[in-house]
Protein backbone atom coordinates (compact mmCIF):
# COMPACT_ATOMS: atom_id res chain seq x y z
CA MET A 1 -129.76 -62.61 47.68
CA LEU A 2 -127.81 -64.90 49.14
CA VAL A 3 -125.11 -66.42 46.93
CA THR A 4 -121.90 -68.29 47.60
CA LEU A 5 -118.24 -66.45 47.36
CA LYS A 6 -117.13 -68.76 44.18
CA GLU A 7 -120.34 -67.71 42.42
CA LEU A 8 -119.30 -64.03 42.71
CA LEU A 9 -115.15 -64.57 42.59
CA ASP A 10 -115.60 -66.50 39.74
CA GLN A 11 -117.52 -64.13 37.67
CA ALA A 12 -115.49 -61.07 38.54
CA LYS A 13 -112.54 -62.84 37.51
CA ILE A 14 -113.83 -63.14 34.08
CA GLU A 15 -114.80 -59.03 33.61
CA LYS A 16 -111.63 -58.28 35.53
CA LYS A 17 -113.51 -56.75 38.62
CA ALA A 18 -113.50 -57.06 42.52
CA VAL A 19 -116.22 -57.54 44.69
CA GLY A 20 -116.29 -55.82 48.18
CA ALA A 21 -115.75 -57.85 51.19
CA PHE A 22 -117.32 -55.77 54.05
CA ASN A 23 -117.08 -56.73 57.55
CA ALA A 24 -120.33 -55.59 59.63
CA THR A 25 -120.11 -55.49 63.27
CA THR A 26 -122.93 -53.72 63.96
CA LEU A 27 -126.76 -53.15 62.58
CA GLU A 28 -126.24 -50.63 61.41
CA ALA A 29 -122.72 -50.89 59.13
CA ALA A 30 -124.57 -54.55 57.93
CA ARG A 31 -127.65 -51.56 56.33
CA ALA A 32 -125.34 -49.72 55.05
CA ILE A 33 -123.46 -51.93 53.30
CA VAL A 34 -126.36 -53.45 51.86
CA GLN A 35 -127.97 -50.25 50.99
CA ALA A 36 -124.55 -49.51 49.36
CA ALA A 37 -124.72 -52.21 47.08
CA GLU A 38 -128.12 -52.25 46.25
CA GLU A 39 -128.17 -48.32 45.30
CA LEU A 40 -124.95 -49.39 42.58
CA ASN A 41 -126.72 -52.66 41.73
CA THR A 42 -123.56 -54.31 42.21
CA PRO A 43 -123.15 -57.74 44.20
CA VAL A 44 -121.49 -57.61 48.04
CA ILE A 45 -119.51 -59.85 50.98
CA LEU A 46 -121.31 -59.66 53.77
CA GLN A 47 -118.26 -60.75 56.05
CA HIS A 48 -117.86 -61.18 60.46
CA ALA A 49 -114.30 -61.49 61.35
CA HIS A 50 -113.56 -64.28 64.15
CA ILE A 51 -111.25 -61.45 65.63
CA HIS A 52 -113.98 -58.92 65.97
CA ASP A 53 -116.32 -61.80 68.60
CA ASN A 54 -115.22 -59.30 71.06
CA LEU A 55 -117.54 -57.08 69.73
CA ILE A 56 -120.10 -58.76 69.11
CA ASP A 57 -120.32 -62.95 68.59
CA LEU A 58 -120.55 -64.92 65.91
CA MET A 59 -123.61 -66.67 66.88
CA GLU A 60 -125.42 -63.17 67.35
CA MET A 61 -124.41 -61.31 64.61
CA GLY A 62 -124.52 -64.20 62.11
CA PRO A 63 -128.39 -64.76 61.99
CA ILE A 64 -128.23 -60.72 61.25
CA LEU A 65 -125.83 -60.62 58.40
CA LYS A 66 -128.04 -63.96 57.03
CA TYR A 67 -131.42 -61.65 57.03
CA TYR A 68 -130.13 -58.68 55.23
CA ALA A 69 -128.32 -61.17 53.06
CA GLU A 70 -131.29 -63.19 51.83
CA ARG A 71 -133.49 -60.03 51.38
CA ALA A 72 -131.20 -58.05 49.71
CA LYS A 73 -131.96 -57.13 45.73
CA VAL A 74 -128.24 -58.17 45.01
CA PRO A 75 -126.22 -60.84 45.36
CA VAL A 76 -124.63 -61.34 48.65
CA ALA A 77 -122.20 -63.57 49.62
CA LEU A 78 -122.17 -64.25 53.45
CA HIS A 79 -118.38 -65.10 54.92
CA LEU A 80 -116.51 -65.69 58.09
CA ASP A 81 -113.11 -63.77 58.27
CA HIS A 82 -110.45 -64.87 59.45
CA GLY A 83 -111.40 -68.08 60.98
CA ALA A 84 -109.01 -68.87 63.35
CA THR A 85 -110.36 -72.63 64.42
CA TYR A 86 -112.36 -75.70 62.57
CA ASP A 87 -115.28 -75.29 65.17
CA ARG A 88 -115.55 -71.58 64.64
CA CYS A 89 -116.31 -72.14 60.82
CA ALA A 90 -118.56 -75.27 61.25
CA GLN A 91 -120.36 -72.54 63.75
CA ALA A 92 -120.53 -70.04 60.39
CA LEU A 93 -121.39 -72.72 57.77
CA ALA A 94 -123.81 -74.32 60.44
CA LEU A 95 -125.76 -70.62 60.56
CA GLY A 96 -125.97 -70.91 56.79
CA PHE A 97 -122.67 -68.54 56.15
CA THR A 98 -121.94 -69.86 52.59
CA SER A 99 -118.16 -69.27 52.34
CA VAL A 100 -115.31 -69.27 55.14
CA MET A 101 -112.09 -68.06 55.70
CA TYR A 102 -109.73 -70.72 57.58
CA ASP A 103 -106.65 -68.48 58.63
CA ALA A 104 -103.46 -70.54 59.43
CA SER A 105 -101.01 -68.33 57.53
CA ALA A 106 -99.12 -68.11 60.34
CA LYS A 107 -98.51 -72.00 60.51
CA SER A 108 -95.71 -73.71 58.27
CA PHE A 109 -97.21 -74.87 55.01
CA GLU A 110 -97.54 -78.11 55.67
CA GLU A 111 -99.99 -77.60 58.80
CA ASN A 112 -101.71 -74.44 56.68
CA VAL A 113 -102.55 -77.27 54.13
CA ALA A 114 -103.47 -80.06 55.87
CA GLU A 115 -106.32 -78.26 57.79
CA THR A 116 -107.51 -75.78 55.55
CA ALA A 117 -107.65 -78.94 53.26
CA GLU A 118 -110.01 -80.16 55.94
CA ILE A 119 -112.03 -77.39 56.21
CA VAL A 120 -112.30 -77.38 52.23
CA LYS A 121 -113.53 -80.77 53.03
CA MET A 122 -116.26 -79.73 55.43
CA ALA A 123 -117.51 -76.96 53.44
CA HIS A 124 -117.76 -78.03 50.03
CA ALA A 125 -119.83 -81.20 51.69
CA VAL A 126 -122.90 -78.58 52.21
CA GLY A 127 -122.01 -76.07 49.53
CA ALA A 128 -119.91 -73.75 50.67
CA SER A 129 -116.80 -72.13 49.59
CA VAL A 130 -113.22 -71.77 51.34
CA GLU A 131 -110.65 -68.79 51.19
CA ALA A 132 -107.65 -69.28 52.62
CA GLU A 133 -104.44 -67.43 53.14
CA LEU A 134 -100.66 -67.94 52.19
CA GLY A 135 -97.76 -65.25 53.12
CA HIS A 136 -97.98 -61.96 55.74
CA ILE A 137 -100.07 -59.15 55.90
CA PHE A 138 -98.45 -56.51 57.79
CA THR A 139 -101.16 -54.95 60.67
CA SER A 140 -100.60 -51.54 61.45
CA LYS A 141 -100.60 -49.59 64.58
CA VAL A 142 -105.11 -49.26 64.80
CA VAL A 143 -107.30 -52.10 64.04
CA GLN A 144 -110.32 -51.92 65.99
CA GLY A 145 -110.54 -55.71 67.37
CA GLU A 146 -107.48 -56.84 66.73
CA GLY A 147 -104.05 -56.55 67.65
CA ASP A 148 -101.90 -55.54 70.68
CA GLY A 149 -101.48 -51.95 68.91
CA ASN A 150 -98.69 -52.04 67.93
CA ALA A 151 -97.43 -51.77 64.04
CA ASP A 152 -95.05 -53.87 62.32
CA SER A 153 -93.52 -53.19 59.09
CA ASP A 154 -91.67 -54.92 56.16
CA SER A 155 -88.62 -53.05 57.72
CA ASP A 156 -89.43 -55.68 60.47
CA TYR A 157 -88.05 -58.75 57.91
CA ALA A 158 -84.84 -59.37 56.58
CA ASP A 159 -86.21 -60.50 53.12
CA LEU A 160 -89.25 -59.48 51.91
CA ASP A 161 -89.67 -62.86 49.81
CA ASP A 162 -89.96 -64.69 53.06
CA ILE A 163 -93.44 -63.30 53.65
CA TYR A 164 -94.66 -62.15 49.89
CA THR A 165 -96.62 -65.10 48.63
CA ASP A 166 -94.68 -66.76 46.11
CA PRO A 167 -96.81 -68.01 42.68
CA GLU A 168 -95.20 -71.63 42.85
CA VAL A 169 -95.73 -71.98 46.73
CA ALA A 170 -99.37 -70.71 45.96
CA LYS A 171 -100.01 -73.11 43.14
CA ASP A 172 -98.85 -76.15 45.31
CA PHE A 173 -100.99 -75.04 47.96
CA VAL A 174 -104.13 -74.87 45.71
CA GLU A 175 -103.63 -77.64 44.10
CA LYS A 176 -103.28 -79.25 47.55
CA THR A 177 -106.14 -77.89 49.34
CA GLY A 178 -108.82 -77.03 46.63
CA VAL A 179 -109.68 -73.84 47.95
CA ASP A 180 -112.10 -71.46 45.94
CA CYS A 181 -109.70 -68.34 46.73
CA LEU A 182 -106.25 -67.37 47.86
CA ALA A 183 -105.77 -64.65 50.17
CA VAL A 184 -101.97 -63.10 48.77
CA ALA A 185 -99.32 -61.11 50.53
CA PHE A 186 -98.07 -58.27 48.61
CA GLY A 187 -97.34 -55.41 51.07
CA THR A 188 -100.54 -54.43 51.93
CA THR A 189 -101.46 -53.35 55.30
CA HIS A 190 -103.87 -54.15 58.16
CA GLY A 191 -105.79 -51.21 59.86
CA VAL A 192 -105.60 -47.77 59.82
CA TYR A 193 -102.80 -46.11 57.11
CA LEU A 194 -99.40 -44.95 58.32
CA THR A 195 -96.78 -45.29 55.87
CA GLU A 196 -96.94 -45.87 51.91
CA PRO A 197 -97.59 -49.63 51.57
CA ARG A 198 -94.76 -50.81 49.24
CA LEU A 199 -96.78 -52.97 46.78
CA ASP A 200 -94.53 -55.73 44.81
CA LEU A 201 -98.00 -55.48 41.92
CA PRO A 202 -96.51 -57.69 39.36
CA ARG A 203 -96.20 -60.63 41.89
CA VAL A 204 -99.73 -60.35 42.04
CA ALA A 205 -100.50 -61.43 38.44
CA ARG A 206 -97.40 -64.30 38.81
CA ILE A 207 -99.98 -65.53 41.37
CA ARG A 208 -103.00 -65.54 39.40
CA ASP A 209 -101.13 -67.21 36.66
CA ALA A 210 -99.71 -69.93 38.35
CA ALA A 211 -101.90 -70.66 41.09
CA GLY A 212 -105.52 -70.40 38.34
CA VAL A 213 -108.19 -68.63 41.59
CA PRO A 214 -109.24 -65.98 42.27
CA LEU A 215 -107.45 -63.95 44.71
CA VAL A 216 -108.00 -61.81 47.34
CA MET A 217 -106.75 -58.78 48.86
CA HIS A 218 -106.53 -58.23 52.71
CA GLY A 219 -105.21 -54.75 54.50
CA GLY A 220 -106.33 -52.66 51.54
CA SER A 221 -104.99 -49.41 54.27
CA GLY A 222 -103.14 -46.32 51.96
CA VAL A 223 -103.73 -48.11 48.96
CA SER A 224 -104.66 -45.44 45.93
CA ASP A 225 -107.47 -45.92 43.73
CA ALA A 226 -104.83 -46.23 40.54
CA ASP A 227 -102.96 -49.55 42.22
CA TYR A 228 -106.80 -50.60 43.40
CA LYS A 229 -106.80 -50.65 39.57
CA VAL A 230 -103.65 -52.15 38.33
CA ALA A 231 -103.97 -55.29 41.69
CA ILE A 232 -107.43 -56.18 40.04
CA GLU A 233 -106.69 -56.01 36.90
CA ASN A 234 -103.85 -58.17 37.83
CA GLY A 235 -105.76 -60.81 39.44
CA ILE A 236 -107.34 -59.23 42.90
CA THR A 237 -111.14 -60.60 42.49
CA LYS A 238 -112.49 -59.55 46.48
CA VAL A 239 -111.11 -56.33 48.27
CA ASN A 240 -111.24 -56.79 52.09
CA TYR A 241 -112.44 -53.33 53.51
CA TYR A 242 -113.40 -52.55 57.04
CA THR A 243 -111.31 -50.09 58.73
CA TYR A 244 -112.18 -46.54 57.03
CA MET A 245 -115.65 -47.35 56.80
CA ASN A 246 -115.79 -47.98 60.37
CA MET A 247 -114.16 -44.24 60.92
CA ALA A 248 -116.57 -42.67 58.49
CA GLY A 249 -118.97 -43.37 60.57
CA ALA A 250 -117.06 -42.80 64.22
CA ARG A 251 -116.53 -39.11 62.36
CA ALA A 252 -120.45 -39.11 61.65
CA ALA A 253 -121.28 -39.59 64.95
CA LYS A 254 -119.00 -37.44 66.53
CA ALA A 255 -120.28 -34.28 64.01
CA TYR A 256 -123.35 -35.00 65.04
CA PHE A 257 -122.81 -34.72 68.81
CA GLU A 258 -120.87 -31.72 67.93
CA ASP A 259 -123.77 -29.73 66.79
CA GLU A 260 -125.69 -27.70 69.28
CA ASN A 261 -129.08 -27.95 67.01
CA ASN A 262 -129.10 -32.17 67.22
CA LYS A 263 -130.81 -33.58 70.02
CA LEU A 264 -128.72 -36.02 72.53
CA PHE A 265 -130.50 -39.27 71.06
CA TYR A 266 -128.53 -42.10 69.92
CA ASP A 267 -131.19 -43.83 67.26
CA THR A 268 -131.08 -40.24 65.51
CA MET A 269 -127.08 -40.03 65.79
CA SER A 270 -127.19 -43.94 63.86
CA LEU A 271 -129.12 -43.01 61.16
CA ALA A 272 -125.97 -40.27 60.62
CA ALA A 273 -123.60 -42.82 61.25
CA THR A 274 -125.12 -45.26 58.91
CA GLU A 275 -125.40 -42.96 55.73
CA ALA A 276 -121.36 -41.95 56.30
CA MET A 277 -120.96 -45.57 56.07
CA LYS A 278 -123.39 -45.70 53.13
CA GLU A 279 -121.54 -43.47 51.46
CA ASP A 280 -117.71 -44.56 52.17
CA VAL A 281 -118.85 -48.02 51.31
CA LYS A 282 -120.75 -46.86 47.65
CA ARG A 283 -116.98 -44.79 47.18
CA ALA A 284 -115.07 -48.10 47.68
CA ILE A 285 -117.36 -50.11 45.50
CA ARG A 286 -116.99 -47.51 42.59
CA VAL A 287 -113.19 -48.13 42.89
CA PHE A 288 -113.51 -52.60 43.20
CA GLN A 289 -116.17 -52.70 40.30
CA ARG A 290 -114.54 -50.32 38.08
CA LEU A 291 -117.18 -48.27 38.04
CA ASP A 292 -115.72 -44.68 37.84
């Protein structure tokens, strides 16, 4: 059942839960994500990241994700993650995506506001939702399809207040753009966990109170279940998740081929990888939806 991001996150905000948002770069991943959500009877967000166009293009993967979203037994939002251009966001909406993220967080505040507001006008005109980002979310050493393999960290910055999301700035941003939800920076990391994240969890609550919209966590690498719980209680309603699901599938594929009893067939290996990703997604959803 295809729904908008706003529908899912507004309800999650009321229930103090978070909806898992999973990037699907393969057919196996898309199946694993939807199967996991259906088995747990929870809503889910299927995502295609603009930066993953080098793995599979939006125009190829988008219709596949829409196929699974429309036929799912649970509510599914179809989302463009980290859209980098107006045109790519427009293409996602034309494909039937129910939400887009426009990421101008690396630009000046004024540019971010002006460009995001234009995306909001376009998306809201067709009944879709918009996510934006404010602040800097660290990128770790290994992110499939992203970056140059180097890591940045909080030691690269003189003052964390310069990169973490400021609550009052967030309030101003939401009022000027009309976004439906906001990805905020409070110390999380994209990619493979390298060092203990330095999370400013009280900041999340202050942003929630000031901005008044559902908040999004990007870069959950290395975050403990206990910290997830606090972040969600403080206002996080959407959690992006990709790297560890992707690694779970890879480990299952490696184990399959290392087992001499298995025939050297890609198709049966893919079933093992799908099952492993599904179980990893279920584990994440249980944390985000506070099912345990």
